[in-house]
Amino acid sequence: MPTTIYMKHALTTPYLMHQILAISALQLSIRTTESRNFYREYATGLQNRALLLFNESNPILEVAPANRVHMFLFSSSAGVHLLCDTLHFQRDSLEGFIDGFTHRLSIYRGVLAFIDQGWHLLGETELGPRLKLSQVLMQPTDASGSECDALRDLVNAADITPSSRKAYRESTLYLQ
């Protein structure tokens, strides 16, 4: 989404503004080495404040025409924040990364369930054309190309469970 859409709605929605500022602070924590801890802690504090304001503004968590865009922008940006934080800062060990990633993934699943609840309402907003385009782009395409053949060979040769193999094969379809 263009930043203009986020800013337009953030100016009237404090929880969205705090979340945008939290992502900005997270970006600074990634880009600066001398103030990394300061900005990361600040990002966490801003996101916690955003969540508090969100919960105060939406005690029932019902998607309605009046709040649908704000809630979608907030939910999606909070999910992106969690994902970026995990991918950048959870690198000490594979176990730590997997624990952090699965924890944040479970939170993101809740975000997706929430977004799904109001998806039909979002099509009628300024976000509608962009969301429809993203749906089209996420549809599996004809996997007849050879770009992912090496990856498919690795998946087929890997010593993994059948369910993992199936998930990896489906993923390569999206990459193709």
N, C-alpha and C. Protein backbone atom coordinates (compact mmCIF):
# COMPACT_ATOMS: atom_id res chain seq x y z
N MET A 1 0.84 -1.18 0.00
CA MET A 1 0.00 0.00 0.00
C MET A 1 0.88 1.24 0.00
N PRO A 2 0.49 2.23 -0.72
CA PRO A 2 1.26 3.48 -0.71
C PRO A 2 1.25 4.13 0.68
N THR A 3 2.33 4.78 1.02
CA THR A 3 2.41 5.43 2.32
C THR A 3 1.36 6.52 2.47
N THR A 4 0.92 7.11 1.37
CA THR A 4 -0.10 8.15 1.46
C THR A 4 -1.39 7.60 2.06
N ILE A 5 -1.74 6.37 1.75
CA ILE A 5 -2.95 5.77 2.32
C ILE A 5 -2.76 5.57 3.82
N TYR A 6 -1.61 5.05 4.21
CA TYR A 6 -1.34 4.86 5.64
C TYR A 6 -1.40 6.20 6.37
N MET A 7 -0.75 7.20 5.83
CA MET A 7 -0.68 8.49 6.52
C MET A 7 -2.06 9.14 6.60
N LYS A 8 -2.84 9.05 5.56
CA LYS A 8 -4.19 9.63 5.56
C LYS A 8 -5.00 9.08 6.74
N HIS A 9 -4.93 7.78 6.94
CA HIS A 9 -5.71 7.15 8.00
C HIS A 9 -5.03 7.27 9.36
N ALA A 10 -3.73 7.32 9.40
CA ALA A 10 -3.01 7.43 10.67
C ALA A 10 -3.24 8.78 11.34
N LEU A 11 -3.46 9.80 10.55
CA LEU A 11 -3.67 11.13 11.12
C LEU A 11 -4.95 11.21 11.95
N THR A 12 -5.87 10.30 11.73
CA THR A 12 -7.12 10.29 12.49
C THR A 12 -7.26 9.06 13.38
N THR A 13 -6.27 8.20 13.38
CA THR A 13 -6.36 6.94 14.12
C THR A 13 -5.08 6.75 14.94
N PRO A 14 -5.12 7.10 16.23
CA PRO A 14 -3.89 7.04 17.04
C PRO A 14 -3.20 5.67 17.07
N TYR A 15 -3.95 4.58 17.12
CA TYR A 15 -3.29 3.28 17.17
C TYR A 15 -2.53 2.98 15.88
N LEU A 16 -3.05 3.45 14.76
CA LEU A 16 -2.35 3.26 13.50
C LEU A 16 -1.10 4.14 13.44
N MET A 17 -1.21 5.36 13.93
CA MET A 17 -0.03 6.25 13.95
C MET A 17 1.08 5.65 14.81
N HIS A 18 0.71 5.13 15.98
CA HIS A 18 1.73 4.51 16.85
C HIS A 18 2.37 3.30 16.17
N GLN A 19 1.58 2.51 15.44
CA GLN A 19 2.14 1.35 14.75
C GLN A 19 3.09 1.78 13.64
N ILE A 20 2.74 2.82 12.91
CA ILE A 20 3.63 3.32 11.86
C ILE A 20 4.93 3.84 12.47
N LEU A 21 4.82 4.54 13.58
CA LEU A 21 6.02 5.01 14.26
C LEU A 21 6.85 3.85 14.79
N ALA A 22 6.17 2.79 15.23
CA ALA A 22 6.89 1.60 15.71
C ALA A 22 7.68 0.95 14.58
N ILE A 23 7.09 0.87 13.40
CA ILE A 23 7.81 0.31 12.25
C ILE A 23 8.99 1.21 11.88
N SER A 24 8.80 2.52 11.98
CA SER A 24 9.91 3.45 11.69
C SER A 24 11.05 3.25 12.67
N ALA A 25 10.72 3.09 13.94
CA ALA A 25 11.76 2.86 14.95
C ALA A 25 12.44 1.52 14.72
N LEU A 26 11.67 0.51 14.33
CA LEU A 26 12.27 -0.79 14.01
C LEU A 26 13.24 -0.66 12.85
N GLN A 27 12.85 0.10 11.83
CA GLN A 27 13.73 0.33 10.68
C GLN A 27 15.03 1.01 11.13
N LEU A 28 14.92 1.98 12.02
CA LEU A 28 16.12 2.65 12.53
C LEU A 28 16.98 1.67 13.33
N SER A 29 16.36 0.76 14.07
CA SER A 29 17.14 -0.21 14.84
C SER A 29 17.89 -1.17 13.93
N ILE A 30 17.39 -1.37 12.74
CA ILE A 30 18.05 -2.25 11.79
C ILE A 30 19.18 -1.52 11.07
N ARG A 31 18.98 -0.25 10.80
CA ARG A 31 19.94 0.51 9.99
C ARG A 31 21.07 1.13 10.80
N THR A 32 20.88 1.38 12.09
CA THR A 32 21.92 2.02 12.88
C THR A 32 22.50 1.03 13.88
N THR A 33 23.79 0.99 13.95
CA THR A 33 24.42 0.05 14.88
C THR A 33 24.62 0.67 16.26
N GLU A 34 24.94 1.96 16.30
CA GLU A 34 25.25 2.59 17.59
C GLU A 34 24.02 2.79 18.47
N SER A 35 22.84 2.86 17.91
CA SER A 35 21.62 3.07 18.69
C SER A 35 20.62 1.93 18.50
N ARG A 36 21.10 0.79 18.09
CA ARG A 36 20.23 -0.34 17.77
C ARG A 36 19.30 -0.70 18.92
N ASN A 37 19.85 -0.90 20.11
CA ASN A 37 19.02 -1.32 21.25
C ASN A 37 18.00 -0.25 21.63
N PHE A 38 18.41 1.01 21.59
CA PHE A 38 17.50 2.11 21.90
C PHE A 38 16.30 2.09 20.97
N TYR A 39 16.54 2.03 19.67
CA TYR A 39 15.45 2.07 18.71
C TYR A 39 14.59 0.80 18.74
N ARG A 40 15.21 -0.32 19.01
CA ARG A 40 14.42 -1.55 19.09
C ARG A 40 13.49 -1.51 20.30
N GLU A 41 14.01 -1.05 21.44
CA GLU A 41 13.16 -0.91 22.62
C GLU A 41 12.06 0.12 22.39
N TYR A 42 12.40 1.18 21.70
CA TYR A 42 11.42 2.22 21.38
C TYR A 42 10.34 1.66 20.46
N ALA A 43 10.75 0.86 19.48
CA ALA A 43 9.79 0.23 18.57
C ALA A 43 8.84 -0.68 19.34
N THR A 44 9.38 -1.44 20.27
CA THR A 44 8.55 -2.33 21.08
C THR A 44 7.57 -1.53 21.92
N GLY A 45 8.04 -0.45 22.53
CA GLY A 45 7.16 0.39 23.34
C GLY A 45 6.06 1.02 22.51
N LEU A 46 6.41 1.51 21.32
CA LEU A 46 5.41 2.11 20.45
C LEU A 46 4.38 1.07 19.99
N GLN A 47 4.85 -0.13 19.68
CA GLN A 47 3.91 -1.16 19.26
C GLN A 47 3.00 -1.58 20.41
N ASN A 48 3.55 -1.68 21.60
CA ASN A 48 2.71 -2.01 22.77
C ASN A 48 1.65 -0.94 22.99
N ARG A 49 2.05 0.32 22.85
CA ARG A 49 1.09 1.43 22.99
C ARG A 49 0.04 1.35 21.88
N ALA A 50 0.45 1.02 20.66
CA ALA A 50 -0.49 0.88 19.55
C ALA A 50 -1.51 -0.21 19.85
N LEU A 51 -1.05 -1.34 20.37
CA LEU A 51 -1.96 -2.43 20.70
C LEU A 51 -2.93 -2.03 21.80
N LEU A 52 -2.44 -1.30 22.79
CA LEU A 52 -3.32 -0.82 23.86
C LEU A 52 -4.39 0.12 23.30
N LEU A 53 -3.98 1.06 22.47
CA LEU A 53 -4.94 1.98 21.86
C LEU A 53 -5.92 1.25 20.95
N PHE A 54 -5.42 0.26 20.22
CA PHE A 54 -6.29 -0.53 19.35
C PHE A 54 -7.36 -1.24 20.17
N ASN A 55 -6.95 -1.88 21.26
CA ASN A 55 -7.90 -2.61 22.10
C ASN A 55 -8.91 -1.67 22.76
N GLU A 56 -8.45 -0.48 23.14
CA GLU A 56 -9.38 0.50 23.71
C GLU A 56 -10.37 1.00 22.67
N SER A 57 -9.93 1.17 21.45
CA SER A 57 -10.79 1.69 20.38
C SER A 57 -11.75 0.64 19.84
N ASN A 58 -11.38 -0.62 19.97
CA ASN A 58 -12.17 -1.71 19.39
C ASN A 58 -12.38 -2.82 20.41
N PRO A 59 -13.11 -2.55 21.49
CA PRO A 59 -13.23 -3.57 22.54
C PRO A 59 -13.94 -4.84 22.09
N ILE A 60 -14.76 -4.76 21.06
CA ILE A 60 -15.50 -5.93 20.60
C ILE A 60 -14.82 -6.59 19.40
N LEU A 61 -13.90 -5.91 18.77
CA LEU A 61 -13.19 -6.39 17.57
C LEU A 61 -14.16 -6.75 16.45
N GLU A 62 -15.05 -5.86 16.19
CA GLU A 62 -16.00 -6.05 15.11
C GLU A 62 -15.62 -5.14 13.95
N VAL A 63 -15.48 -5.75 12.77
CA VAL A 63 -15.16 -4.97 11.59
C VAL A 63 -16.45 -4.35 11.07
N ALA A 64 -16.42 -3.03 10.94
CA ALA A 64 -17.58 -2.29 10.46
C ALA A 64 -17.12 -1.32 9.38
N PRO A 65 -18.04 -0.79 8.59
CA PRO A 65 -17.64 0.16 7.55
C PRO A 65 -16.82 1.34 8.07
N ALA A 66 -17.09 1.78 9.29
CA ALA A 66 -16.37 2.94 9.83
C ALA A 66 -14.92 2.64 10.21
N ASN A 67 -14.60 1.38 10.53
CA ASN A 67 -13.25 1.08 11.01
C ASN A 67 -12.50 0.07 10.15
N ARG A 68 -13.10 -0.39 9.09
CA ARG A 68 -12.51 -1.49 8.32
C ARG A 68 -11.14 -1.17 7.74
N VAL A 69 -10.94 0.01 7.18
CA VAL A 69 -9.65 0.35 6.60
C VAL A 69 -8.61 0.52 7.70
N HIS A 70 -8.97 1.22 8.77
CA HIS A 70 -8.03 1.42 9.88
C HIS A 70 -7.57 0.09 10.46
N MET A 71 -8.53 -0.79 10.68
CA MET A 71 -8.20 -2.08 11.28
C MET A 71 -7.35 -2.94 10.36
N PHE A 72 -7.64 -2.91 9.08
CA PHE A 72 -6.84 -3.67 8.12
C PHE A 72 -5.41 -3.14 8.07
N LEU A 73 -5.26 -1.83 7.95
CA LEU A 73 -3.91 -1.24 7.88
C LEU A 73 -3.13 -1.53 9.16
N PHE A 74 -3.80 -1.42 10.29
CA PHE A 74 -3.14 -1.70 11.56
C PHE A 74 -2.73 -3.17 11.64
N SER A 75 -3.66 -4.06 11.37
CA SER A 75 -3.38 -5.49 11.48
C SER A 75 -2.26 -5.93 10.55
N SER A 76 -2.31 -5.46 9.33
CA SER A 76 -1.27 -5.88 8.38
C SER A 76 0.08 -5.28 8.75
N SER A 77 0.12 -4.03 9.20
CA SER A 77 1.41 -3.44 9.56
C SER A 77 1.96 -4.06 10.85
N ALA A 78 1.08 -4.42 11.79
CA ALA A 78 1.55 -5.10 13.00
C ALA A 78 2.15 -6.47 12.64
N GLY A 79 1.51 -7.17 11.71
CA GLY A 79 2.05 -8.46 11.27
C GLY A 79 3.40 -8.32 10.59
N VAL A 80 3.53 -7.31 9.75
CA VAL A 80 4.82 -7.06 9.08
C VAL A 80 5.89 -6.71 10.11
N HIS A 81 5.54 -5.91 11.10
CA HIS A 81 6.47 -5.55 12.16
C HIS A 81 6.99 -6.80 12.87
N LEU A 82 6.07 -7.68 13.26
CA LEU A 82 6.47 -8.91 13.95
C LEU A 82 7.38 -9.77 13.08
N LEU A 83 7.04 -9.89 11.82
CA LEU A 83 7.84 -10.70 10.91
C LEU A 83 9.24 -10.11 10.73
N CYS A 84 9.33 -8.81 10.50
CA CYS A 84 10.64 -8.17 10.33
C CYS A 84 11.49 -8.29 11.58
N ASP A 85 10.88 -8.08 12.73
CA ASP A 85 11.62 -8.20 13.99
C ASP A 85 12.19 -9.60 14.14
N THR A 86 11.39 -10.59 13.84
CA THR A 86 11.84 -11.98 13.96
C THR A 86 12.96 -12.28 12.97
N LEU A 87 12.77 -11.92 11.73
CA LEU A 87 13.76 -12.25 10.70
C LEU A 87 15.08 -11.54 10.93
N HIS A 88 15.04 -10.34 11.49
CA HIS A 88 16.29 -9.60 11.67
C HIS A 88 16.97 -9.90 13.01
N PHE A 89 16.21 -10.04 14.08
CA PHE A 89 16.82 -10.11 15.40
C PHE A 89 16.85 -11.50 16.02
N GLN A 90 16.21 -12.47 15.46
CA GLN A 90 16.20 -13.82 16.04
C GLN A 90 17.20 -14.71 15.31
N ARG A 91 18.45 -14.33 15.28
CA ARG A 91 19.45 -15.06 14.51
C ARG A 91 20.47 -15.80 15.37
N ASP A 92 20.31 -15.78 16.67
CA ASP A 92 21.32 -16.38 17.54
C ASP A 92 21.44 -17.89 17.34
N SER A 93 20.31 -18.55 17.22
CA SER A 93 20.32 -19.99 17.02
C SER A 93 19.10 -20.38 16.21
N LEU A 94 19.19 -21.53 15.60
CA LEU A 94 18.06 -22.02 14.82
C LEU A 94 16.86 -22.25 15.73
N GLU A 95 17.11 -22.80 16.92
CA GLU A 95 16.00 -23.04 17.86
C GLU A 95 15.34 -21.74 18.28
N GLY A 96 16.14 -20.72 18.58
CA GLY A 96 15.60 -19.42 18.96
C GLY A 96 14.79 -18.80 17.84
N PHE A 97 15.33 -18.93 16.62
CA PHE A 97 14.61 -18.39 15.47
C PHE A 97 13.28 -19.10 15.28
N ILE A 98 13.29 -20.42 15.33
CA ILE A 98 12.06 -21.19 15.12
C ILE A 98 11.04 -20.88 16.22
N ASP A 99 11.51 -20.80 17.47
CA ASP A 99 10.58 -20.44 18.56
C ASP A 99 9.97 -19.07 18.34
N GLY A 100 10.80 -18.09 18.03
CA GLY A 100 10.30 -16.74 17.79
C GLY A 100 9.39 -16.68 16.58
N PHE A 101 9.79 -17.36 15.53
CA PHE A 101 9.01 -17.33 14.30
C PHE A 101 7.65 -17.99 14.50
N THR A 102 7.61 -19.16 15.15
CA THR A 102 6.34 -19.84 15.34
C THR A 102 5.43 -19.04 16.27
N HIS A 103 6.00 -18.40 17.28
CA HIS A 103 5.20 -17.55 18.17
C HIS A 103 4.58 -16.40 17.38
N ARG A 104 5.39 -15.73 16.59
CA ARG A 104 4.88 -14.60 15.81
C ARG A 104 3.94 -15.06 14.70
N LEU A 105 4.19 -16.24 14.18
CA LEU A 105 3.31 -16.78 13.15
C LEU A 105 1.92 -17.06 13.73
N SER A 106 1.87 -17.53 14.97
CA SER A 106 0.56 -17.77 15.58
C SER A 106 -0.18 -16.45 15.80
N ILE A 107 0.54 -15.40 16.13
CA ILE A 107 -0.08 -14.07 16.25
C ILE A 107 -0.57 -13.62 14.89
N TYR A 108 0.24 -13.83 13.87
CA TYR A 108 -0.12 -13.39 12.53
C TYR A 108 -1.33 -14.17 12.00
N ARG A 109 -1.45 -15.43 12.40
CA ARG A 109 -2.64 -16.19 12.01
C ARG A 109 -3.90 -15.54 12.55
N GLY A 110 -3.81 -15.02 13.77
CA GLY A 110 -4.93 -14.29 14.33
C GLY A 110 -5.23 -13.03 13.55
N VAL A 111 -4.17 -12.36 13.10
CA VAL A 111 -4.33 -11.17 12.27
C VAL A 111 -5.04 -11.54 10.97
N LEU A 112 -4.61 -12.62 10.35
CA LEU A 112 -5.23 -13.05 9.10
C LEU A 112 -6.69 -13.43 9.29
N ALA A 113 -6.99 -14.09 10.39
CA ALA A 113 -8.39 -14.45 10.67
C ALA A 113 -9.23 -13.20 10.83
N PHE A 114 -8.66 -12.22 11.48
CA PHE A 114 -9.35 -10.96 11.68
C PHE A 114 -9.57 -10.24 10.35
N ILE A 115 -8.55 -10.21 9.51
CA ILE A 115 -8.65 -9.56 8.20
C ILE A 115 -9.68 -10.29 7.35
N ASP A 116 -9.69 -11.61 7.42
CA ASP A 116 -10.63 -12.40 6.64
C ASP A 116 -12.07 -12.07 7.01
N GLN A 117 -12.30 -11.75 8.28
CA GLN A 117 -13.63 -11.41 8.76
C GLN A 117 -14.21 -10.19 8.01
N GLY A 118 -13.37 -9.24 7.66
CA GLY A 118 -13.85 -8.04 7.00
C GLY A 118 -13.42 -7.88 5.56
N TRP A 119 -12.93 -8.96 4.97
CA TRP A 119 -12.40 -8.89 3.61
C TRP A 119 -13.43 -8.35 2.62
N HIS A 120 -14.65 -8.82 2.72
CA HIS A 120 -15.70 -8.40 1.79
C HIS A 120 -15.97 -6.89 1.91
N LEU A 121 -15.80 -6.34 3.09
CA LEU A 121 -16.01 -4.90 3.28
C LEU A 121 -14.87 -4.07 2.68
N LEU A 122 -13.68 -4.64 2.64
CA LEU A 122 -12.53 -3.89 2.13
C LEU A 122 -12.58 -3.68 0.63
N GLY A 123 -13.26 -4.56 -0.07
CA GLY A 123 -13.37 -4.42 -1.52
C GLY A 123 -14.09 -3.15 -1.94
N GLU A 124 -14.88 -2.59 -1.04
CA GLU A 124 -15.64 -1.39 -1.33
C GLU A 124 -14.90 -0.11 -0.94
N THR A 125 -13.67 -0.22 -0.54
CA THR A 125 -12.90 0.94 -0.08
C THR A 125 -11.82 1.30 -1.10
N GLU A 126 -11.05 2.32 -0.75
CA GLU A 126 -9.94 2.73 -1.60
C GLU A 126 -8.88 1.63 -1.71
N LEU A 127 -8.90 0.67 -0.80
CA LEU A 127 -7.95 -0.45 -0.84
C LEU A 127 -8.40 -1.54 -1.81
N GLY A 128 -9.67 -1.54 -2.17
CA GLY A 128 -10.26 -2.60 -2.98
C GLY A 128 -9.47 -2.97 -4.23
N PRO A 129 -9.15 -2.01 -5.11
CA PRO A 129 -8.42 -2.38 -6.33
C PRO A 129 -7.06 -3.03 -6.06
N ARG A 130 -6.35 -2.54 -5.05
CA ARG A 130 -5.04 -3.11 -4.73
C ARG A 130 -5.18 -4.52 -4.15
N LEU A 131 -6.18 -4.71 -3.32
CA LEU A 131 -6.39 -6.03 -2.73
C LEU A 131 -6.84 -7.05 -3.77
N LYS A 132 -7.65 -6.62 -4.70
CA LYS A 132 -8.08 -7.52 -5.78
C LYS A 132 -6.88 -7.91 -6.65
N LEU A 133 -6.02 -6.95 -6.92
CA LEU A 133 -4.82 -7.25 -7.69
C LEU A 133 -3.93 -8.23 -6.94
N SER A 134 -3.76 -8.04 -5.64
CA SER A 134 -2.92 -8.96 -4.88
C SER A 134 -3.52 -10.36 -4.85
N GLN A 135 -4.85 -10.47 -4.83
CA GLN A 135 -5.48 -11.79 -4.89
C GLN A 135 -5.17 -12.48 -6.21
N VAL A 136 -5.23 -11.73 -7.29
CA VAL A 136 -4.93 -12.29 -8.61
C VAL A 136 -3.48 -12.74 -8.67
N LEU A 137 -2.58 -11.92 -8.13
CA LEU A 137 -1.16 -12.26 -8.17
C LEU A 137 -0.81 -13.47 -7.31
N MET A 138 -1.61 -13.74 -6.28
CA MET A 138 -1.33 -14.86 -5.39
C MET A 138 -1.92 -16.18 -5.89
N GLN A 139 -2.67 -16.15 -6.96
CA GLN A 139 -3.22 -17.38 -7.51
C GLN A 139 -2.09 -18.20 -8.12
N PRO A 140 -2.13 -19.51 -7.90
CA PRO A 140 -1.09 -20.35 -8.50
C PRO A 140 -1.11 -20.21 -10.03
N THR A 141 0.06 -20.18 -10.58
CA THR A 141 0.18 -20.06 -12.03
C THR A 141 0.54 -21.43 -12.61
N ASP A 142 0.58 -21.48 -13.89
CA ASP A 142 1.00 -22.70 -14.57
C ASP A 142 2.47 -22.93 -14.24
N ALA A 143 2.77 -24.04 -13.63
CA ALA A 143 4.13 -24.33 -13.18
C ALA A 143 4.93 -25.06 -14.25
N SER A 144 4.79 -24.63 -15.48
CA SER A 144 5.45 -25.35 -16.56
C SER A 144 6.87 -24.86 -16.81
N GLY A 145 7.29 -23.78 -16.17
CA GLY A 145 8.64 -23.27 -16.36
C GLY A 145 9.68 -24.15 -15.69
N SER A 146 10.94 -23.88 -15.97
CA SER A 146 12.01 -24.70 -15.42
C SER A 146 12.84 -23.96 -14.37
N GLU A 147 12.44 -22.75 -14.00
CA GLU A 147 13.23 -21.94 -13.07
C GLU A 147 13.42 -22.61 -11.71
N CYS A 148 12.45 -23.38 -11.28
CA CYS A 148 12.51 -23.99 -9.95
C CYS A 148 12.82 -25.48 -9.98
N ASP A 149 13.29 -25.97 -11.11
CA ASP A 149 13.59 -27.40 -11.21
C ASP A 149 14.62 -27.85 -10.18
N ALA A 150 15.65 -27.08 -9.97
CA ALA A 150 16.69 -27.45 -9.00
C ALA A 150 16.10 -27.51 -7.59
N LEU A 151 15.26 -26.56 -7.28
CA LEU A 151 14.62 -26.55 -5.96
C LEU A 151 13.68 -27.75 -5.81
N ARG A 152 12.92 -28.05 -6.84
CA ARG A 152 12.04 -29.23 -6.80
C ARG A 152 12.86 -30.51 -6.62
N ASP A 153 14.01 -30.60 -7.28
CA ASP A 153 14.88 -31.76 -7.12
C ASP A 153 15.38 -31.90 -5.69
N LEU A 154 15.74 -30.76 -5.07
CA LEU A 154 16.18 -30.79 -3.67
C LEU A 154 15.06 -31.26 -2.75
N VAL A 155 13.86 -30.76 -2.98
CA VAL A 155 12.71 -31.16 -2.16
C VAL A 155 12.44 -32.64 -2.33
N ASN A 156 12.49 -33.14 -3.55
CA ASN A 156 12.23 -34.56 -3.81
C ASN A 156 13.29 -35.45 -3.19
N ALA A 157 14.53 -34.98 -3.12
CA ALA A 157 15.62 -35.78 -2.59
C ALA A 157 15.77 -35.65 -1.07
N ALA A 158 15.13 -34.67 -0.48
CA ALA A 158 15.30 -34.41 0.95
C ALA A 158 14.68 -35.52 1.80
N ASP A 159 15.30 -35.75 2.95
CA ASP A 159 14.78 -36.74 3.91
C ASP A 159 13.82 -36.01 4.84
N ILE A 160 12.57 -35.83 4.39
CA ILE A 160 11.56 -35.09 5.14
C ILE A 160 10.25 -35.86 5.14
N THR A 161 9.36 -35.44 6.00
CA THR A 161 8.06 -36.11 6.10
C THR A 161 7.23 -35.82 4.85
N PRO A 162 6.29 -36.68 4.55
CA PRO A 162 5.42 -36.44 3.38
C PRO A 162 4.67 -35.10 3.46
N SER A 163 4.24 -34.72 4.66
CA SER A 163 3.51 -33.46 4.78
C SER A 163 4.43 -32.26 4.51
N SER A 164 5.67 -32.35 4.95
CA SER A 164 6.64 -31.29 4.66
C SER A 164 6.93 -31.23 3.17
N ARG A 165 7.11 -32.40 2.56
CA ARG A 165 7.38 -32.45 1.13
C ARG A 165 6.24 -31.79 0.35
N LYS A 166 5.00 -32.10 0.75
CA LYS A 166 3.83 -31.51 0.08
C LYS A 166 3.85 -29.99 0.23
N ALA A 167 4.12 -29.50 1.43
CA ALA A 167 4.15 -28.05 1.67
C ALA A 167 5.25 -27.39 0.84
N TYR A 168 6.42 -28.01 0.77
CA TYR A 168 7.52 -27.44 -0.03
C TYR A 168 7.19 -27.44 -1.52
N ARG A 169 6.55 -28.49 -1.97
CA ARG A 169 6.17 -28.54 -3.39
C ARG A 169 5.16 -27.45 -3.72
N GLU A 170 4.20 -27.23 -2.82
CA GLU A 170 3.23 -26.16 -3.05
C GLU A 170 3.92 -24.79 -3.05
N SER A 171 4.91 -24.64 -2.19
CA SER A 171 5.65 -23.38 -2.14
C SER A 171 6.39 -23.12 -3.44
N THR A 172 6.96 -24.17 -4.02
CA THR A 172 7.68 -23.96 -5.28
C THR A 172 6.73 -23.59 -6.40
N LEU A 173 5.47 -24.00 -6.31
CA LEU A 173 4.49 -23.58 -7.31
C LEU A 173 4.32 -22.06 -7.27
N TYR A 174 4.29 -21.50 -6.06
CA TYR A 174 4.14 -20.05 -5.93
C TYR A 174 5.38 -19.32 -6.40
N LEU A 175 6.54 -19.94 -6.20
CA LEU A 175 7.78 -19.31 -6.68
C LEU A 175 7.88 -19.34 -8.19
N GLN A 176 7.39 -20.41 -8.78
CA GLN A 176 7.47 -20.58 -10.23
C GLN A 176 6.72 -19.44 -10.90
